[in-house]
Amino acid sequence: MAEFWEESFIEKQTMWGFEPSESAIVANELFKEKQLKNILVPGFGYGRNAQLFRESGMVVTGIEISQTAIDLARQHYGADLKVYHGSVTDMPFDDVLYDGIFCYALIHLLNQDERRKLVSDCYSQLSPGGYMVFVAVSTKSPNYGTGRQLSRNRFEIFEGVQMYFYDEAVVKQEFGNYTLVDFKEIEEPTKHMPGKPPLRFYMVTCRKEG
């Protein structure tokens, strides 16, 4: 996967534009309401979502598998960005507890064991009273069933990218032990590709008690 994303960012650079995702906009409002200040973003990309949190006065730390994406982020948003270069499967990268965690369109790219580890690792790095938000593609998304089927709800949508599509039951199963406080479907317009139908995701919010 690392090679795929590195090549993608080399070729396509800021491929999703600079507007934040709809999910990031919603999460930003939650984080502001709860007065969260220290945010971890696994799957940082080139920082288009993280920048929204920074503009709201939050301190953001990222994890990103592509060095090219990190370089793009620092080019556009500042050389002082704190981003760990590596895979989320190798978390944790530090021993910091974060008030908030925002993980956008990443978890569905992992296999079952990796997904479970990611959720557990994120929860372990969440401060008591903190919130973590995951955004995972839904079986109701128009790209469901694309490509070669690998197993139930999991498809290789094109070479190098395997995607697991979530339904309500799986959301409850994978997040139910982490104080799941809310999950809802959200449409993500492909803002960089006008005319293409929006993708559908589950936005999953958990809170660490304490």
C-alpha atoms as a PDB file:
ATOM      1  CA  MET A   1       0.000   0.000   0.000  1.00  0.00           C
ATOM      2  CA  ALA A   2       2.855   2.376   0.756  1.00  0.00           C
ATOM      3  CA  GLU A   3       4.154   2.127  -2.798  1.00  0.00           C
ATOM      4  CA  PHE A   4       0.685   2.762  -4.260  1.00  0.00           C
ATOM      5  CA  TRP A   5       0.131   5.953  -2.265  1.00  0.00           C
ATOM      6  CA  GLU A   6       3.639   7.257  -2.808  1.00  0.00           C
ATOM      7  CA  GLU A   7       3.268   6.818  -6.565  1.00  0.00           C
ATOM      8  CA  SER A   8      -0.213   8.378  -6.474  1.00  0.00           C
ATOM      9  CA  PHE A   9       0.963  11.513  -4.688  1.00  0.00           C
ATOM     10  CA  ILE A  10       4.003  11.808  -6.955  1.00  0.00           C
ATOM     11  CA  GLU A  11       1.783  11.608 -10.028  1.00  0.00           C
ATOM     12  CA  LYS A  12      -1.373  13.423  -8.882  1.00  0.00           C
ATOM     13  CA  GLN A  13      -0.012  15.722  -6.178  1.00  0.00           C
ATOM     14  CA  THR A  14      -2.899  17.519  -4.393  1.00  0.00           C
ATOM     15  CA  MET A  15      -5.400  15.153  -6.003  1.00  0.00           C
ATOM     16  CA  TRP A  16      -8.446  16.058  -3.893  1.00  0.00           C
ATOM     17  CA  GLY A  17      -7.996  19.804  -3.973  1.00  0.00           C
ATOM     18  CA  PHE A  18      -7.728  21.947  -0.862  1.00  0.00           C
ATOM     19  CA  GLU A  19     -11.300  22.075   0.416  1.00  0.00           C
ATOM     20  CA  PRO A  20     -11.847  19.954   3.537  1.00  0.00           C
ATOM     21  CA  SER A  21     -14.192  16.976   3.390  1.00  0.00           C
ATOM     22  CA  GLU A  22     -17.745  17.345   4.653  1.00  0.00           C
ATOM     23  CA  SER A  23     -16.875  14.941   7.467  1.00  0.00           C
ATOM     24  CA  ALA A  24     -13.979  17.138   8.575  1.00  0.00           C
ATOM     25  CA  ILE A  25     -16.305  20.150   8.678  1.00  0.00           C
ATOM     26  CA  VAL A  26     -18.724  18.244  10.930  1.00  0.00           C
ATOM     27  CA  ALA A  27     -15.900  16.900  13.120  1.00  0.00           C
ATOM     28  CA  ASN A  28     -14.414  20.375  13.434  1.00  0.00           C
ATOM     29  CA  GLU A  29     -17.693  21.670  14.865  1.00  0.00           C
ATOM     30  CA  LEU A  30     -17.773  18.790  17.367  1.00  0.00           C
ATOM     31  CA  PHE A  31     -14.166  19.374  18.384  1.00  0.00           C
ATOM     32  CA  LYS A  32     -14.803  23.108  18.849  1.00  0.00           C
ATOM     33  CA  GLU A  33     -17.978  22.448  20.857  1.00  0.00           C
ATOM     34  CA  LYS A  34     -16.104  20.070  23.157  1.00  0.00           C
ATOM     35  CA  GLN A  35     -13.127  22.469  23.334  1.00  0.00           C
ATOM     36  CA  LEU A  36     -10.649  19.875  22.126  1.00  0.00           C
ATOM     37  CA  LYS A  37      -7.158  21.225  21.536  1.00  0.00           C
ATOM     38  CA  ASN A  38      -4.767  18.382  20.704  1.00  0.00           C
ATOM     39  CA  ILE A  39      -5.749  16.381  17.613  1.00  0.00           C
ATOM     40  CA  LEU A  40      -4.248  13.285  15.982  1.00  0.00           C
ATOM     41  CA  VAL A  41      -4.949  12.670  12.285  1.00  0.00           C
ATOM     42  CA  PRO A  42      -3.980   9.159  11.123  1.00  0.00           C
ATOM     43  CA  GLY A  43      -3.934   9.222   7.330  1.00  0.00           C
ATOM     44  CA  PHE A  44      -2.875  12.872   7.168  1.00  0.00           C
ATOM     45  CA  GLY A  45      -2.428  13.009   3.393  1.00  0.00           C
ATOM     46  CA  TYR A  46      -1.304  16.474   2.343  1.00  0.00           C
ATOM     47  CA  GLY A  47      -3.239  18.082   5.180  1.00  0.00           C
ATOM     48  CA  ARG A  48      -6.428  19.449   3.630  1.00  0.00           C
ATOM     49  CA  ASN A  49      -8.601  18.207   6.515  1.00  0.00           C
ATOM     50  CA  ALA A  50      -6.071  18.872   9.255  1.00  0.00           C
ATOM     51  CA  GLN A  51      -5.722  22.476   8.143  1.00  0.00           C
ATOM     52  CA  LEU A  52      -9.346  23.115   9.121  1.00  0.00           C
ATOM     53  CA  PHE A  53      -8.595  22.026  12.698  1.00  0.00           C
ATOM     54  CA  ARG A  54      -5.463  24.170  12.757  1.00  0.00           C
ATOM     55  CA  GLU A  55      -7.437  27.199  11.597  1.00  0.00           C
ATOM     56  CA  SER A  56      -9.762  26.578  14.557  1.00  0.00           C
ATOM     57  CA  GLY A  57      -6.824  26.882  16.949  1.00  0.00           C
ATOM     58  CA  MET A  58      -6.128  23.186  17.481  1.00  0.00           C
ATOM     59  CA  VAL A  59      -2.688  21.611  17.556  1.00  0.00           C
ATOM     60  CA  VAL A  60      -2.532  18.772  15.020  1.00  0.00           C
ATOM     61  CA  THR A  61      -0.205  15.780  14.754  1.00  0.00           C
ATOM     62  CA  GLY A  62      -0.398  13.550  11.694  1.00  0.00           C
ATOM     63  CA  ILE A  63       0.560  10.075  10.574  1.00  0.00           C
ATOM     64  CA  GLU A  64       1.117   9.583   6.839  1.00  0.00           C
ATOM     65  CA  ILE A  65       2.479   6.690   4.806  1.00  0.00           C
ATOM     66  CA  SER A  66       3.634   8.828   1.844  1.00  0.00           C
ATOM     67  CA  GLN A  67       6.660  11.076   2.223  1.00  0.00           C
ATOM     68  CA  THR A  68       5.581  12.957  -0.891  1.00  0.00           C
ATOM     69  CA  ALA A  69       2.238  13.763   0.748  1.00  0.00           C
ATOM     70  CA  ILE A  70       4.063  15.038   3.842  1.00  0.00           C
ATOM     71  CA  ASP A  71       6.298  17.200   1.671  1.00  0.00           C
ATOM     72  CA  LEU A  72       3.223  18.615  -0.106  1.00  0.00           C
ATOM     73  CA  ALA A  73       1.580  19.380   3.244  1.00  0.00           C
ATOM     74  CA  ARG A  74       4.640  21.268   4.475  1.00  0.00           C
ATOM     75  CA  GLN A  75       4.899  23.106   1.171  1.00  0.00           C
ATOM     76  CA  HIS A  76       1.298  24.334   1.355  1.00  0.00           C
ATOM     77  CA  TYR A  77       0.667  24.623   5.102  1.00  0.00           C
ATOM     78  CA  GLY A  78       4.040  25.228   6.723  1.00  0.00           C
ATOM     79  CA  ALA A  79       7.325  23.482   7.392  1.00  0.00           C
ATOM     80  CA  ASP A  80       6.514  23.246  11.104  1.00  0.00           C
ATOM     81  CA  LEU A  81       3.827  20.568  10.642  1.00  0.00           C
ATOM     82  CA  LYS A  82       4.325  17.588  12.933  1.00  0.00           C
ATOM     83  CA  VAL A  83       3.709  14.472  10.862  1.00  0.00           C
ATOM     84  CA  TYR A  84       5.090  10.992  11.515  1.00  0.00           C
ATOM     85  CA  HIS A  85       6.125   9.166   8.347  1.00  0.00           C
ATOM     86  CA  GLY A  86       4.829   5.616   8.510  1.00  0.00           C
ATOM     87  CA  SER A  87       1.841   3.314   8.386  1.00  0.00           C
ATOM     88  CA  VAL A  88      -0.977   3.490  10.920  1.00  0.00           C
ATOM     89  CA  THR A  89      -0.485  -0.264  11.313  1.00  0.00           C
ATOM     90  CA  ASP A  90       2.717   0.623  13.197  1.00  0.00           C
ATOM     91  CA  MET A  91       1.006   2.847  15.771  1.00  0.00           C
ATOM     92  CA  PRO A  92       1.747   4.189  18.285  1.00  0.00           C
ATOM     93  CA  PHE A  93       4.412   6.654  17.156  1.00  0.00           C
ATOM     94  CA  ASP A  94       4.446   8.520  20.475  1.00  0.00           C
ATOM     95  CA  ASP A  95       3.035   8.210  23.999  1.00  0.00           C
ATOM     96  CA  VAL A  96       0.879  11.349  23.809  1.00  0.00           C
ATOM     97  CA  LEU A  97      -2.791  11.267  24.775  1.00  0.00           C
ATOM     98  CA  TYR A  98      -4.909  13.284  22.330  1.00  0.00           C
ATOM     99  CA  ASP A  99      -8.184  15.132  23.007  1.00  0.00           C
ATOM    100  CA  GLY A 100      -9.482  14.242  19.559  1.00  0.00           C
ATOM    101  CA  ILE A 101      -8.674  11.838  16.731  1.00  0.00           C
ATOM    102  CA  PHE A 102      -9.947  12.208  13.174  1.00  0.00           C
ATOM    103  CA  CYS A 103      -9.400   9.332  10.743  1.00  0.00           C
ATOM    104  CA  TYR A 104     -10.872   9.986   7.304  1.00  0.00           C
ATOM    105  CA  ALA A 105     -11.362   7.375   4.553  1.00  0.00           C
ATOM    106  CA  LEU A 106      -8.531   5.172   5.785  1.00  0.00           C
ATOM    107  CA  ILE A 107      -9.869   2.368   7.937  1.00  0.00           C
ATOM    108  CA  HIS A 108     -11.722   0.705   5.049  1.00  0.00           C
ATOM    109  CA  LEU A 109      -8.384   0.251   3.220  1.00  0.00           C
ATOM    110  CA  LEU A 110      -7.186  -2.164   5.919  1.00  0.00           C
ATOM    111  CA  ASN A 111      -7.873  -5.834   6.520  1.00  0.00           C
ATOM    112  CA  GLN A 112      -9.887  -6.994   9.520  1.00  0.00           C
ATOM    113  CA  ASP A 113      -6.954  -7.420  11.918  1.00  0.00           C
ATOM    114  CA  GLU A 114      -5.487  -4.063  10.888  1.00  0.00           C
ATOM    115  CA  ARG A 115      -8.841  -2.332  11.350  1.00  0.00           C
ATOM    116  CA  ARG A 116      -9.239  -3.750  14.840  1.00  0.00           C
ATOM    117  CA  LYS A 117      -5.695  -2.713  15.782  1.00  0.00           C
ATOM    118  CA  LEU A 118      -6.197   0.818  14.426  1.00  0.00           C
ATOM    119  CA  VAL A 119      -9.364   1.391  16.456  1.00  0.00           C
ATOM    120  CA  SER A 120      -7.756  -0.052  19.577  1.00  0.00           C
ATOM    121  CA  ASP A 121      -4.555   1.964  19.117  1.00  0.00           C
ATOM    122  CA  CYS A 122      -6.483   5.186  18.598  1.00  0.00           C
ATOM    123  CA  TYR A 123      -8.644   4.567  21.666  1.00  0.00           C
ATOM    124  CA  SER A 124      -5.497   3.890  23.709  1.00  0.00           C
ATOM    125  CA  GLN A 125      -4.125   7.296  22.701  1.00  0.00           C
ATOM    126  CA  LEU A 126      -7.349   9.130  23.503  1.00  0.00           C
ATOM    127  CA  SER A 127      -7.517  11.276  26.633  1.00  0.00           C
ATOM    128  CA  PRO A 128     -10.316  10.504  29.097  1.00  0.00           C
ATOM    129  CA  GLY A 129     -13.318  12.439  27.855  1.00  0.00           C
ATOM    130  CA  GLY A 130     -11.832  12.692  24.364  1.00  0.00           C
ATOM    131  CA  TYR A 131     -13.524  11.906  21.067  1.00  0.00           C
ATOM    132  CA  MET A 132     -12.419   9.906  18.069  1.00  0.00           C
ATOM    133  CA  VAL A 133     -14.124  10.116  14.690  1.00  0.00           C
ATOM    134  CA  PHE A 134     -13.721   7.551  11.930  1.00  0.00           C
ATOM    135  CA  VAL A 135     -15.093   7.975   8.419  1.00  0.00           C
ATOM    136  CA  ALA A 136     -15.600   4.654   6.604  1.00  0.00           C
ATOM    137  CA  VAL A 137     -17.112   3.928   3.211  1.00  0.00           C
ATOM    138  CA  SER A 138     -20.648   2.508   3.205  1.00  0.00           C
ATOM    139  CA  THR A 139     -22.197  -0.370   1.283  1.00  0.00           C
ATOM    140  CA  LYS A 140     -24.636   2.281   0.006  1.00  0.00           C
ATOM    141  CA  SER A 141     -21.837   4.146  -1.740  1.00  0.00           C
ATOM    142  CA  PRO A 142     -22.057   4.081  -5.556  1.00  0.00           C
ATOM    143  CA  ASN A 143     -18.618   2.453  -5.797  1.00  0.00           C
ATOM    144  CA  TYR A 144     -19.738  -0.575  -3.773  1.00  0.00           C
ATOM    145  CA  GLY A 145     -19.100  -3.770  -5.723  1.00  0.00           C
ATOM    146  CA  THR A 146     -16.508  -2.189  -7.995  1.00  0.00           C
ATOM    147  CA  GLY A 147     -13.678  -4.455  -9.131  1.00  0.00           C
ATOM    148  CA  ARG A 148     -12.847  -7.948  -7.927  1.00  0.00           C
ATOM    149  CA  GLN A 149     -14.618  -9.299  -4.860  1.00  0.00           C
ATOM    150  CA  LEU A 150     -12.222 -10.659  -2.231  1.00  0.00           C
ATOM    151  CA  SER A 151     -14.696 -11.518   0.522  1.00  0.00           C
ATOM    152  CA  ARG A 152     -18.003 -10.269   1.885  1.00  0.00           C
ATOM    153  CA  ASN A 153     -18.129  -6.478   1.366  1.00  0.00           C
ATOM    154  CA  ARG A 154     -14.424  -6.354   0.440  1.00  0.00           C
ATOM    155  CA  PHE A 155     -13.287  -5.579  -3.097  1.00  0.00           C
ATOM    156  CA  GLU A 156     -10.090  -4.798  -4.932  1.00  0.00           C
ATOM    157  CA  ILE A 157     -11.556  -1.737  -6.623  1.00  0.00           C
ATOM    158  CA  PHE A 158      -8.445  -1.345  -8.750  1.00  0.00           C
ATOM    159  CA  GLU A 159      -4.935  -2.735  -8.620  1.00  0.00           C
ATOM    160  CA  GLY A 160      -3.261  -1.925  -5.326  1.00  0.00           C
ATOM    161  CA  VAL A 161      -6.393  -0.728  -3.510  1.00  0.00           C
ATOM    162  CA  GLN A 162      -8.557  -3.107  -1.493  1.00  0.00           C
ATOM    163  CA  MET A 163     -11.616  -1.591   0.152  1.00  0.00           C
ATOM    164  CA  TYR A 164     -13.958  -2.899   2.839  1.00  0.00           C
ATOM    165  CA  PHE A 165     -17.481  -1.452   2.749  1.00  0.00           C
ATOM    166  CA  TYR A 166     -19.242  -0.962   6.075  1.00  0.00           C
ATOM    167  CA  ASP A 167     -22.853  -1.654   6.923  1.00  0.00           C
ATOM    168  CA  GLU A 168     -24.637  -0.773  10.159  1.00  0.00           C
ATOM    169  CA  ALA A 169     -24.020  -4.151  11.755  1.00  0.00           C
ATOM    170  CA  VAL A 170     -20.268  -3.977  11.179  1.00  0.00           C
ATOM    171  CA  VAL A 171     -20.095  -0.422  12.524  1.00  0.00           C
ATOM    172  CA  LYS A 172     -21.654  -1.638  15.770  1.00  0.00           C
ATOM    173  CA  GLN A 173     -19.431  -4.709  15.819  1.00  0.00           C
ATOM    174  CA  GLU A 174     -16.113  -2.922  15.251  1.00  0.00           C
ATOM    175  CA  PHE A 175     -16.782   0.177  17.362  1.00  0.00           C
ATOM    176  CA  GLY A 176     -19.264  -1.076  19.949  1.00  0.00           C
ATOM    177  CA  ASN A 177     -16.628  -1.746  22.601  1.00  0.00           C
ATOM    178  CA  TYR A 178     -15.264   1.812  22.398  1.00  0.00           C
ATOM    179  CA  THR A 179     -18.173   3.827  23.804  1.00  0.00           C
ATOM    180  CA  LEU A 180     -19.855   4.363  20.462  1.00  0.00           C
ATOM    181  CA  VAL A 181     -21.894   7.535  20.906  1.00  0.00           C
ATOM    182  CA  ASP A 182     -23.084   8.177  17.364  1.00  0.00           C
ATOM    183  CA  PHE A 183     -22.875   6.985  13.792  1.00  0.00           C
ATOM    184  CA  LYS A 184     -24.588   8.366  10.735  1.00  0.00           C
ATOM    185  CA  GLU A 185     -24.344   8.239   6.987  1.00  0.00           C
ATOM    186  CA  ILE A 186     -22.823  11.244   5.297  1.00  0.00           C
ATOM    187  CA  GLU A 187     -22.444  12.128   1.640  1.00  0.00           C
ATOM    188  CA  GLU A 188     -19.039  13.264   0.449  1.00  0.00           C
ATOM    189  CA  PRO A 189     -19.253  15.207  -2.819  1.00  0.00           C
ATOM    190  CA  THR A 190     -16.278  14.649  -5.107  1.00  0.00           C
ATOM    191  CA  LYS A 191     -15.521  18.366  -5.115  1.00  0.00           C
ATOM    192  CA  HIS A 192     -12.466  17.876  -7.308  1.00  0.00           C
ATOM    193  CA  MET A 193     -14.560  16.008  -9.930  1.00  0.00           C
ATOM    194  CA  PRO A 194     -17.781  17.974 -10.586  1.00  0.00           C
ATOM    195  CA  GLY A 195     -20.633  15.885 -11.939  1.00  0.00           C
ATOM    196  CA  LYS A 196     -19.514  12.657 -10.310  1.00  0.00           C
ATOM    197  CA  PRO A 197     -22.033  11.268  -7.788  1.00  0.00           C
ATOM    198  CA  PRO A 198     -21.118  11.720  -4.116  1.00  0.00           C
ATOM    199  CA  LEU A 199     -19.692   8.821  -2.165  1.00  0.00           C
ATOM    200  CA  ARG A 200     -21.483   7.641   0.962  1.00  0.00           C
ATOM    201  CA  PHE A 201     -19.700   7.048   4.246  1.00  0.00           C
ATOM    202  CA  TYR A 202     -20.437   6.222   7.848  1.00  0.00           C
ATOM    203  CA  MET A 203     -19.218   8.871  10.247  1.00  0.00           C
ATOM    204  CA  VAL A 204     -18.558   7.073  13.521  1.00  0.00           C
ATOM    205  CA  THR A 205     -17.988   8.914  16.799  1.00  0.00           C
ATOM    206  CA  CYS A 206     -16.688   7.329  20.008  1.00  0.00           C
ATOM    207  CA  ARG A 207     -15.941   8.950  23.375  1.00  0.00           C
ATOM    208  CA  LYS A 208     -13.512   7.719  25.973  1.00  0.00           C
ATOM    209  CA  GLU A 209     -15.106   7.759  29.375  1.00  0.00           C
ATOM    210  CA  GLY A 210     -13.419   9.406  32.310  1.00  0.00           C
END
